[in-house]
Amino acid sequence: MSAEKAIVRISGRVQGVGFRYTTRRLATRFDIKGWVRNNRDGTVSIEAEGRSEELDRFFLAVKTSTLGPGITRWAETRGPATGIDEGFEIRFDGG
């Protein structure tokens, strides 16, 4: 399968509960590159790149993690990968 880029905006109880750290841990497990960040409006954004099937597995793992029940909205768009080639970081810039 080809590489894709996914941009996700997540609402719910997703700040102050370790969501970014859990997301980074899972991204490493599935060899996903990109970042996760808290937004000023209380949502969390993820920009992730990887093989299509690995993105699917990664997002399923996020949704079914212990933090999954706090998710009330998941808005996702996908497109071609842009070449993020290093790690998965937590961003602290707040949006």
PDB file of N, CA and C in Angstrom:
ATOM      1  N   MET A   1       0.839  -1.190   0.000  1.00  0.00           N
ATOM      2  CA  MET A   1       0.000   0.000   0.000  1.00  0.00           C
ATOM      3  C   MET A   1       0.876   1.242   0.000  1.00  0.00           C
ATOM      4  N   SER A   2       0.337   2.316  -0.509  1.00  0.00           N
ATOM      5  CA  SER A   2       1.113   3.542  -0.621  1.00  0.00           C
ATOM      6  C   SER A   2       1.063   4.369   0.666  1.00  0.00           C
ATOM      7  N   ALA A   3       1.991   5.301   0.745  1.00  0.00           N
ATOM      8  CA  ALA A   3       2.038   6.195   1.901  1.00  0.00           C
ATOM      9  C   ALA A   3       0.977   7.277   1.758  1.00  0.00           C
ATOM     10  N   GLU A   4       0.414   7.641   2.890  1.00  0.00           N
ATOM     11  CA  GLU A   4      -0.604   8.685   2.936  1.00  0.00           C
ATOM     12  C   GLU A   4      -0.296   9.651   4.061  1.00  0.00           C
ATOM     13  N   LYS A   5      -0.926  10.809   3.963  1.00  0.00           N
ATOM     14  CA  LYS A   5      -0.893  11.799   5.027  1.00  0.00           C
ATOM     15  C   LYS A   5      -2.315  11.940   5.551  1.00  0.00           C
ATOM     16  N   ALA A   6      -2.452  11.953   6.872  1.00  0.00           N
ATOM     17  CA  ALA A   6      -3.764  12.155   7.485  1.00  0.00           C
ATOM     18  C   ALA A   6      -3.691  13.363   8.402  1.00  0.00           C
ATOM     19  N   ILE A   7      -4.719  14.181   8.345  1.00  0.00           N
ATOM     20  CA  ILE A   7      -4.869  15.306   9.259  1.00  0.00           C
ATOM     21  C   ILE A   7      -6.154  15.052  10.034  1.00  0.00           C
ATOM     22  N   VAL A   8      -6.033  15.053  11.368  1.00  0.00           N
ATOM     23  CA  VAL A   8      -7.165  14.712  12.233  1.00  0.00           C
ATOM     24  C   VAL A   8      -7.354  15.815  13.265  1.00  0.00           C
ATOM     25  N   ARG A   9      -8.608  16.138  13.524  1.00  0.00           N
ATOM     26  CA  ARG A   9      -8.962  17.063  14.609  1.00  0.00           C
ATOM     27  C   ARG A   9      -9.913  16.302  15.519  1.00  0.00           C
ATOM     28  N   ILE A  10      -9.559  16.241  16.807  1.00  0.00           N
ATOM     29  CA  ILE A  10     -10.293  15.422  17.762  1.00  0.00           C
ATOM     30  C   ILE A  10     -10.865  16.305  18.865  1.00  0.00           C
ATOM     31  N   SER A  11     -12.134  16.094  19.154  1.00  0.00           N
ATOM     32  CA  SER A  11     -12.812  16.825  20.228  1.00  0.00           C
ATOM     33  C   SER A  11     -13.198  15.857  21.329  1.00  0.00           C
ATOM     34  N   GLY A  12     -13.472  16.414  22.498  1.00  0.00           N
ATOM     35  CA  GLY A  12     -13.897  15.616  23.642  1.00  0.00           C
ATOM     36  C   GLY A  12     -12.996  15.869  24.825  1.00  0.00           C
ATOM     37  N   ARG A  13     -12.877  14.880  25.665  1.00  0.00           N
ATOM     38  CA  ARG A  13     -11.976  14.982  26.818  1.00  0.00           C
ATOM     39  C   ARG A  13     -10.609  14.494  26.363  1.00  0.00           C
ATOM     40  N   VAL A  14      -9.884  15.388  25.711  1.00  0.00           N
ATOM     41  CA  VAL A  14      -8.635  15.006  25.067  1.00  0.00           C
ATOM     42  C   VAL A  14      -7.439  15.858  25.506  1.00  0.00           C
ATOM     43  N   GLN A  15      -7.655  16.789  26.399  1.00  0.00           N
ATOM     44  CA  GLN A  15      -6.542  17.572  26.935  1.00  0.00           C
ATOM     45  C   GLN A  15      -6.455  17.333  28.435  1.00  0.00           C
ATOM     46  N   GLY A  16      -5.219  17.272  28.928  1.00  0.00           N
ATOM     47  CA  GLY A  16      -4.994  17.060  30.347  1.00  0.00           C
ATOM     48  C   GLY A  16      -5.165  15.616  30.795  1.00  0.00           C
ATOM     49  N   VAL A  17      -5.198  14.685  29.848  1.00  0.00           N
ATOM     50  CA  VAL A  17      -5.400  13.263  30.177  1.00  0.00           C
ATOM     51  C   VAL A  17      -4.299  12.362  29.603  1.00  0.00           C
ATOM     52  N   GLY A  18      -3.241  12.949  29.068  1.00  0.00           N
ATOM     53  CA  GLY A  18      -2.154  12.162  28.494  1.00  0.00           C
ATOM     54  C   GLY A  18      -2.374  11.761  27.049  1.00  0.00           C
ATOM     55  N   PHE A  19      -3.290  12.410  26.371  1.00  0.00           N
ATOM     56  CA  PHE A  19      -3.638  12.034  24.995  1.00  0.00           C
ATOM     57  C   PHE A  19      -2.439  12.140  24.059  1.00  0.00           C
ATOM     58  N   ARG A  20      -1.691  13.237  24.147  1.00  0.00           N
ATOM     59  CA  ARG A  20      -0.546  13.419  23.243  1.00  0.00           C
ATOM     60  C   ARG A  20       0.513  12.343  23.462  1.00  0.00           C
ATOM     61  N   TYR A  21       0.765  12.009  24.716  1.00  0.00           N
ATOM     62  CA  TYR A  21       1.801  11.022  25.027  1.00  0.00           C
ATOM     63  C   TYR A  21       1.388   9.619  24.571  1.00  0.00           C
ATOM     64  N   THR A  22       0.127   9.291  24.765  1.00  0.00           N
ATOM     65  CA  THR A  22      -0.393   8.013  24.287  1.00  0.00           C
ATOM     66  C   THR A  22      -0.304   7.945  22.767  1.00  0.00           C
ATOM     67  N   THR A  23      -0.670   9.038  22.109  1.00  0.00           N
ATOM     68  CA  THR A  23      -0.625   9.097  20.648  1.00  0.00           C
ATOM     69  C   THR A  23       0.798   8.907  20.142  1.00  0.00           C
ATOM     70  N   ARG A  24       1.754   9.568  20.768  1.00  0.00           N
ATOM     71  CA  ARG A  24       3.154   9.417  20.341  1.00  0.00           C
ATOM     72  C   ARG A  24       3.635   7.976  20.540  1.00  0.00           C
ATOM     73  N   ARG A  25       3.295   7.372  21.661  1.00  0.00           N
ATOM     74  CA  ARG A  25       3.691   5.990  21.928  1.00  0.00           C
ATOM     75  C   ARG A  25       3.128   5.049  20.855  1.00  0.00           C
ATOM     76  N   LEU A  26       1.858   5.231  20.518  1.00  0.00           N
ATOM     77  CA  LEU A  26       1.232   4.386  19.505  1.00  0.00           C
ATOM     78  C   LEU A  26       1.811   4.658  18.114  1.00  0.00           C
ATOM     79  N   ALA A  27       2.102   5.908  17.808  1.00  0.00           N
ATOM     80  CA  ALA A  27       2.694   6.242  16.504  1.00  0.00           C
ATOM     81  C   ALA A  27       4.031   5.526  16.327  1.00  0.00           C
ATOM     82  N   THR A  28       4.815   5.484  17.384  1.00  0.00           N
ATOM     83  CA  THR A  28       6.103   4.794  17.331  1.00  0.00           C
ATOM     84  C   THR A  28       5.906   3.306  17.070  1.00  0.00           C
ATOM     85  N   ARG A  29       4.909   2.727  17.701  1.00  0.00           N
ATOM     86  CA  ARG A  29       4.620   1.301  17.520  1.00  0.00           C
ATOM     87  C   ARG A  29       4.271   0.978  16.062  1.00  0.00           C
ATOM     88  N   PHE A  30       3.560   1.883  15.403  1.00  0.00           N
ATOM     89  CA  PHE A  30       3.098   1.627  14.034  1.00  0.00           C
ATOM     90  C   PHE A  30       3.944   2.311  12.957  1.00  0.00           C
ATOM     91  N   ASP A  31       5.108   2.848  13.357  1.00  0.00           N
ATOM     92  CA  ASP A  31       6.026   3.508  12.433  1.00  0.00           C
ATOM     93  C   ASP A  31       5.356   4.667  11.687  1.00  0.00           C
ATOM     94  N   ILE A  32       4.620   5.460  12.434  1.00  0.00           N
ATOM     95  CA  ILE A  32       3.952   6.637  11.888  1.00  0.00           C
ATOM     96  C   ILE A  32       4.814   7.857  12.175  1.00  0.00           C
ATOM     97  N   LYS A  33       4.948   8.734  11.204  1.00  0.00           N
ATOM     98  CA  LYS A  33       5.720   9.966  11.343  1.00  0.00           C
ATOM     99  C   LYS A  33       4.758  11.141  11.450  1.00  0.00           C
ATOM    100  N   GLY A  34       5.163  12.200  12.142  1.00  0.00           N
ATOM    101  CA  GLY A  34       4.338  13.395  12.213  1.00  0.00           C
ATOM    102  C   GLY A  34       4.345  14.036  13.576  1.00  0.00           C
ATOM    103  N   TRP A  35       3.184  14.533  13.998  1.00  0.00           N
ATOM    104  CA  TRP A  35       3.084  15.242  15.263  1.00  0.00           C
ATOM    105  C   TRP A  35       1.661  15.241  15.809  1.00  0.00           C
ATOM    106  N   VAL A  36       1.559  15.571  17.101  1.00  0.00           N
ATOM    107  CA  VAL A  36       0.276  15.748  17.789  1.00  0.00           C
ATOM    108  C   VAL A  36       0.393  17.008  18.629  1.00  0.00           C
ATOM    109  N   ARG A  37      -0.704  17.766  18.747  1.00  0.00           N
ATOM    110  CA  ARG A  37      -0.647  19.014  19.509  1.00  0.00           C
ATOM    111  C   ARG A  37      -2.015  19.355  20.080  1.00  0.00           C
ATOM    112  N   ASN A  38      -1.999  19.977  21.260  1.00  0.00           N
ATOM    113  CA  ASN A  38      -3.208  20.567  21.824  1.00  0.00           C
ATOM    114  C   ASN A  38      -3.477  21.885  21.118  1.00  0.00           C
ATOM    115  N   ASN A  39      -4.746  22.168  20.871  1.00  0.00           N
ATOM    116  CA  ASN A  39      -5.154  23.439  20.289  1.00  0.00           C
ATOM    117  C   ASN A  39      -5.803  24.306  21.361  1.00  0.00           C
ATOM    118  N   ARG A  40      -5.760  25.587  21.169  1.00  0.00           N
ATOM    119  CA  ARG A  40      -6.313  26.522  22.156  1.00  0.00           C
ATOM    120  C   ARG A  40      -7.805  26.337  22.391  1.00  0.00           C
ATOM    121  N   ASP A  41      -8.523  25.786  21.412  1.00  0.00           N
ATOM    122  CA  ASP A  41      -9.969  25.605  21.548  1.00  0.00           C
ATOM    123  C   ASP A  41     -10.355  24.318  22.283  1.00  0.00           C
ATOM    124  N   GLY A  42      -9.354  23.600  22.823  1.00  0.00           N
ATOM    125  CA  GLY A  42      -9.632  22.386  23.581  1.00  0.00           C
ATOM    126  C   GLY A  42      -9.598  21.108  22.762  1.00  0.00           C
ATOM    127  N   THR A  43      -9.370  21.223  21.465  1.00  0.00           N
ATOM    128  CA  THR A  43      -9.252  20.043  20.607  1.00  0.00           C
ATOM    129  C   THR A  43      -7.785  19.605  20.536  1.00  0.00           C
ATOM    130  N   VAL A  44      -7.564  18.466  19.901  1.00  0.00           N
ATOM    131  CA  VAL A  44      -6.214  17.976  19.626  1.00  0.00           C
ATOM    132  C   VAL A  44      -6.107  17.754  18.122  1.00  0.00           C
ATOM    133  N   SER A  45      -4.965  18.132  17.552  1.00  0.00           N
ATOM    134  CA  SER A  45      -4.695  17.889  16.134  1.00  0.00           C
ATOM    135  C   SER A  45      -3.578  16.876  15.988  1.00  0.00           C
ATOM    136  N   ILE A  46      -3.731  16.025  14.976  1.00  0.00           N
ATOM    137  CA  ILE A  46      -2.700  15.061  14.617  1.00  0.00           C
ATOM    138  C   ILE A  46      -2.421  15.224  13.128  1.00  0.00           C
ATOM    139  N   GLU A  47      -1.152  15.284  12.780  1.00  0.00           N
ATOM    140  CA  GLU A  47      -0.748  15.183  11.385  1.00  0.00           C
ATOM    141  C   GLU A  47       0.165  13.973  11.310  1.00  0.00           C
ATOM    142  N   ALA A  48      -0.226  12.992  10.530  1.00  0.00           N
ATOM    143  CA  ALA A  48       0.484  11.716  10.523  1.00  0.00           C
ATOM    144  C   ALA A  48       0.692  11.218   9.109  1.00  0.00           C
ATOM    145  N   GLU A  49       1.851  10.587   8.899  1.00  0.00           N
ATOM    146  CA  GLU A  49       2.152   9.978   7.616  1.00  0.00           C
ATOM    147  C   GLU A  49       2.646   8.557   7.817  1.00  0.00           C
ATOM    148  N   GLY A  50       2.246   7.695   6.913  1.00  0.00           N
ATOM    149  CA  GLY A  50       2.685   6.311   6.943  1.00  0.00           C
ATOM    150  C   GLY A  50       1.935   5.526   5.879  1.00  0.00           C
ATOM    151  N   ARG A  51       2.221   4.240   5.832  1.00  0.00           N
ATOM    152  CA  ARG A  51       1.479   3.377   4.912  1.00  0.00           C
ATOM    153  C   ARG A  51       0.008   3.382   5.307  1.00  0.00           C
ATOM    154  N   SER A  52      -0.833   3.314   4.345  1.00  0.00           N
ATOM    155  CA  SER A  52      -2.288   3.357   4.556  1.00  0.00           C
ATOM    156  C   SER A  52      -2.748   2.390   5.634  1.00  0.00           C
ATOM    157  N   GLU A  53      -2.324   1.144   5.520  1.00  0.00           N
ATOM    158  CA  GLU A  53      -2.770   0.137   6.476  1.00  0.00           C
ATOM    159  C   GLU A  53      -2.245   0.427   7.881  1.00  0.00           C
ATOM    160  N   GLU A  54      -1.045   0.996   7.979  1.00  0.00           N
ATOM    161  CA  GLU A  54      -0.499   1.333   9.296  1.00  0.00           C
ATOM    162  C   GLU A  54      -1.225   2.540   9.900  1.00  0.00           C
ATOM    163  N   LEU A  55      -1.589   3.503   9.068  1.00  0.00           N
ATOM    164  CA  LEU A  55      -2.406   4.619   9.570  1.00  0.00           C
ATOM    165  C   LEU A  55      -3.727   4.096  10.119  1.00  0.00           C
ATOM    166  N   ASP A  56      -4.353   3.184   9.393  1.00  0.00           N
ATOM    167  CA  ASP A  56      -5.615   2.604   9.875  1.00  0.00           C
ATOM    168  C   ASP A  56      -5.426   1.927  11.230  1.00  0.00           C
ATOM    169  N   ARG A  57      -4.365   1.142  11.352  1.00  0.00           N
ATOM    170  CA  ARG A  57      -4.099   0.447  12.619  1.00  0.00           C
ATOM    171  C   ARG A  57      -3.784   1.432  13.742  1.00  0.00           C
ATOM    172  N   PHE A  58      -2.997   2.443  13.434  1.00  0.00           N
ATOM    173  CA  PHE A  58      -2.642   3.481  14.406  1.00  0.00           C
ATOM    174  C   PHE A  58      -3.894   4.185  14.923  1.00  0.00           C
ATOM    175  N   PHE A  59      -4.749   4.637  14.013  1.00  0.00           N
ATOM    176  CA  PHE A  59      -5.946   5.364  14.443  1.00  0.00           C
ATOM    177  C   PHE A  59      -6.913   4.462  15.207  1.00  0.00           C
ATOM    178  N   LEU A  60      -7.013   3.209  14.815  1.00  0.00           N
ATOM    179  CA  LEU A  60      -7.846   2.271  15.564  1.00  0.00           C
ATOM    180  C   LEU A  60      -7.297   2.114  16.988  1.00  0.00           C
ATOM    181  N   ALA A  61      -5.969   2.020  17.103  1.00  0.00           N
ATOM    182  CA  ALA A  61      -5.351   1.893  18.427  1.00  0.00           C
ATOM    183  C   ALA A  61      -5.612   3.133  19.281  1.00  0.00           C
ATOM    184  N   VAL A  62      -5.559   4.311  18.686  1.00  0.00           N
ATOM    185  CA  VAL A  62      -5.858   5.539  19.434  1.00  0.00           C
ATOM    186  C   VAL A  62      -7.309   5.513  19.914  1.00  0.00           C
ATOM    187  N   LYS A  63      -8.215   5.181  19.007  1.00  0.00           N
ATOM    188  CA  LYS A  63      -9.642   5.188  19.338  1.00  0.00           C
ATOM    189  C   LYS A  63     -10.022   4.128  20.365  1.00  0.00           C
ATOM    190  N   THR A  64      -9.292   3.022  20.408  1.00  0.00           N
ATOM    191  CA  THR A  64      -9.633   1.950  21.343  1.00  0.00           C
ATOM    192  C   THR A  64      -8.727   1.947  22.581  1.00  0.00           C
ATOM    193  N   SER A  65      -7.855   2.943  22.706  1.00  0.00           N
ATOM    194  CA  SER A  65      -7.005   3.053  23.893  1.00  0.00           C
ATOM    195  C   SER A  65      -7.873   3.442  25.090  1.00  0.00           C
ATOM    196  N   THR A  66      -7.263   3.502  26.253  1.00  0.00           N
ATOM    197  CA  THR A  66      -8.011   3.894  27.457  1.00  0.00           C
ATOM    198  C   THR A  66      -8.554   5.316  27.346  1.00  0.00           C
ATOM    199  N   LEU A  67      -8.003   6.113  26.451  1.00  0.00           N
ATOM    200  CA  LEU A  67      -8.475   7.490  26.260  1.00  0.00           C
ATOM    201  C   LEU A  67      -9.581   7.583  25.213  1.00  0.00           C
ATOM    202  N   GLY A  68      -9.806   6.520  24.469  1.00  0.00           N
ATOM    203  CA  GLY A  68     -10.813   6.509  23.408  1.00  0.00           C
ATOM    204  C   GLY A  68     -12.200   6.939  23.827  1.00  0.00           C
ATOM    205  N   PRO A  69     -12.686   6.505  25.005  1.00  0.00           N
ATOM    206  CA  PRO A  69     -14.037   6.910  25.404  1.00  0.00           C
ATOM    207  C   PRO A  69     -14.220   8.419  25.561  1.00  0.00           C
ATOM    208  N   GLY A  70     -13.106   9.148  25.720  1.00  0.00           N
ATOM    209  CA  GLY A  70     -13.204  10.607  25.842  1.00  0.00           C
ATOM    210  C   GLY A  70     -13.391  11.322  24.521  1.00  0.00           C
ATOM    211  N   ILE A  71     -13.218  10.603  23.410  1.00  0.00           N
ATOM    212  CA  ILE A  71     -13.356  11.208  22.081  1.00  0.00           C
ATOM    213  C   ILE A  71     -14.832  11.340  21.730  1.00  0.00           C
ATOM    214  N   THR A  72     -15.250  12.567  21.424  1.00  0.00           N
ATOM    215  CA  THR A  72     -16.640  12.780  21.003  1.00  0.00           C
ATOM    216  C   THR A  72     -16.752  13.099  19.512  1.00  0.00           C
ATOM    217  N   ARG A  73     -15.663  13.555  18.903  1.00  0.00           N
ATOM    218  CA  ARG A  73     -15.689  13.862  17.467  1.00  0.00           C
ATOM    219  C   ARG A  73     -14.311  13.609  16.880  1.00  0.00           C
ATOM    220  N   TRP A  74     -14.290  12.971  15.717  1.00  0.00           N
ATOM    221  CA  TRP A  74     -13.054  12.634  15.013  1.00  0.00           C
ATOM    222  C   TRP A  74     -13.234  13.077  13.573  1.00  0.00           C
ATOM    223  N   ALA A  75     -12.563  14.150  13.172  1.00  0.00           N
ATOM    224  CA  ALA A  75     -12.651  14.649  11.796  1.00  0.00           C
ATOM    225  C   ALA A  75     -11.320  14.373  11.108  1.00  0.00           C
ATOM    226  N   GLU A  76     -11.353  13.559  10.062  1.00  0.00           N
ATOM    227  CA  GLU A  76     -10.127  13.094   9.411  1.00  0.00           C
ATOM    228  C   GLU A  76     -10.175  13.329   7.916  1.00  0.00           C
ATOM    229  N   THR A  77      -9.068  13.817   7.387  1.00  0.00           N
ATOM    230  CA  THR A  77      -8.901  13.915   5.936  1.00  0.00           C
ATOM    231  C   THR A  77      -7.582  13.246   5.580  1.00  0.00           C
ATOM    232  N   ARG A  78      -7.538  12.660   4.386  1.00  0.00           N
ATOM    233  CA  ARG A  78      -6.318  11.988   3.921  1.00  0.00           C
ATOM    234  C   ARG A  78      -5.957  12.452   2.523  1.00  0.00           C
ATOM    235  N   GLY A  79      -4.683  12.361   2.255  1.00  0.00           N
ATOM    236  CA  GLY A  79      -4.156  12.696   0.941  1.00  0.00           C
ATOM    237  C   GLY A  79      -2.800  12.061   0.768  1.00  0.00           C
ATOM    238  N   PRO A  80      -2.096  12.425  -0.292  1.00  0.00           N
ATOM    239  CA  PRO A  80      -0.779  11.854  -0.531  1.00  0.00           C
ATOM    240  C   PRO A  80       0.222  12.300   0.540  1.00  0.00           C
ATOM    241  N   ALA A  81       1.151  11.426   0.858  1.00  0.00           N
ATOM    242  CA  ALA A  81       2.206  11.761   1.817  1.00  0.00           C
ATOM    243  C   ALA A  81       3.066  12.893   1.270  1.00  0.00           C
ATOM    244  N   THR A  82       3.588  13.710   2.175  1.00  0.00           N
ATOM    245  CA  THR A  82       4.441  14.830   1.777  1.00  0.00           C
ATOM    246  C   THR A  82       5.898  14.602   2.129  1.00  0.00           C
ATOM    247  N   GLY A  83       6.201  13.482   2.778  1.00  0.00           N
ATOM    248  CA  GLY A  83       7.592  13.150   3.024  1.00  0.00           C
ATOM    249  C   GLY A  83       8.101  13.424   4.429  1.00  0.00           C
ATOM    250  N   ILE A  84       7.226  13.455   5.420  1.00  0.00           N
ATOM    251  CA  ILE A  84       7.715  13.544   6.800  1.00  0.00           C
ATOM    252  C   ILE A  84       8.516  12.270   7.032  1.00  0.00           C
ATOM    253  N   ASP A  85       9.780  12.415   7.366  1.00  0.00           N
ATOM    254  CA  ASP A  85      10.601  11.212   7.438  1.00  0.00           C
ATOM    255  C   ASP A  85      11.253  10.977   8.796  1.00  0.00           C
ATOM    256  N   GLU A  86      10.949  11.799   9.773  1.00  0.00           N
ATOM    257  CA  GLU A  86      11.581  11.607  11.070  1.00  0.00           C
ATOM    258  C   GLU A  86      10.576  11.667  12.200  1.00  0.00           C
ATOM    259  N   GLY A  87      10.533  10.611  12.994  1.00  0.00           N
ATOM    260  CA  GLY A  87       9.853  10.563  14.274  1.00  0.00           C
ATOM    261  C   GLY A  87       8.416  11.047  14.328  1.00  0.00           C
ATOM    262  N   PHE A  88       7.954  11.105  15.554  1.00  0.00           N
ATOM    263  CA  PHE A  88       6.608  11.597  15.850  1.00  0.00           C
ATOM    264  C   PHE A  88       6.738  12.456  17.092  1.00  0.00           C
ATOM    265  N   GLU A  89       6.446  13.722  16.972  1.00  0.00           N
ATOM    266  CA  GLU A  89       6.696  14.643  18.080  1.00  0.00           C
ATOM    267  C   GLU A  89       5.421  15.181  18.709  1.00  0.00           C
ATOM    268  N   ILE A  90       5.586  15.580  19.945  1.00  0.00           N
ATOM    269  CA  ILE A  90       4.537  16.299  20.650  1.00  0.00           C
ATOM    270  C   ILE A  90       4.848  17.768  20.512  1.00  0.00           C
ATOM    271  N   ARG A  91       3.889  18.520  20.041  1.00  0.00           N
ATOM    272  CA  ARG A  91       4.068  19.969  19.906  1.00  0.00           C
ATOM    273  C   ARG A  91       3.365  20.672  21.043  1.00  0.00           C
ATOM    274  N   PHE A  92       3.977  21.719  21.532  1.00  0.00           N
ATOM    275  CA  PHE A  92       3.476  22.424  22.699  1.00  0.00           C
ATOM    276  C   PHE A  92       3.043  23.851  22.384  1.00  0.00           C
ATOM    277  N   ASP A  93       2.861  24.179  21.111  1.00  0.00           N
ATOM    278  CA  ASP A  93       2.593  25.563  20.764  1.00  0.00           C
ATOM    279  C   ASP A  93       1.146  25.988  20.956  1.00  0.00           C
ATOM    280  N   GLY A  94       0.258  25.089  21.284  1.00  0.00           N
ATOM    281  CA  GLY A  94      -1.113  25.458  21.629  1.00  0.00           C
ATOM    282  C   GLY A  94      -1.985  25.887  20.480  1.00  0.00           C
ATOM    283  N   GLY A  95      -1.608  25.636  19.261  1.00  0.00           N
ATOM    284  CA  GLY A  95      -2.497  25.902  18.146  1.00  0.00           C
ATOM    285  C   GLY A  95      -2.046  26.872  17.190  1.00  0.00           C
TER     286      GLY A  95
END
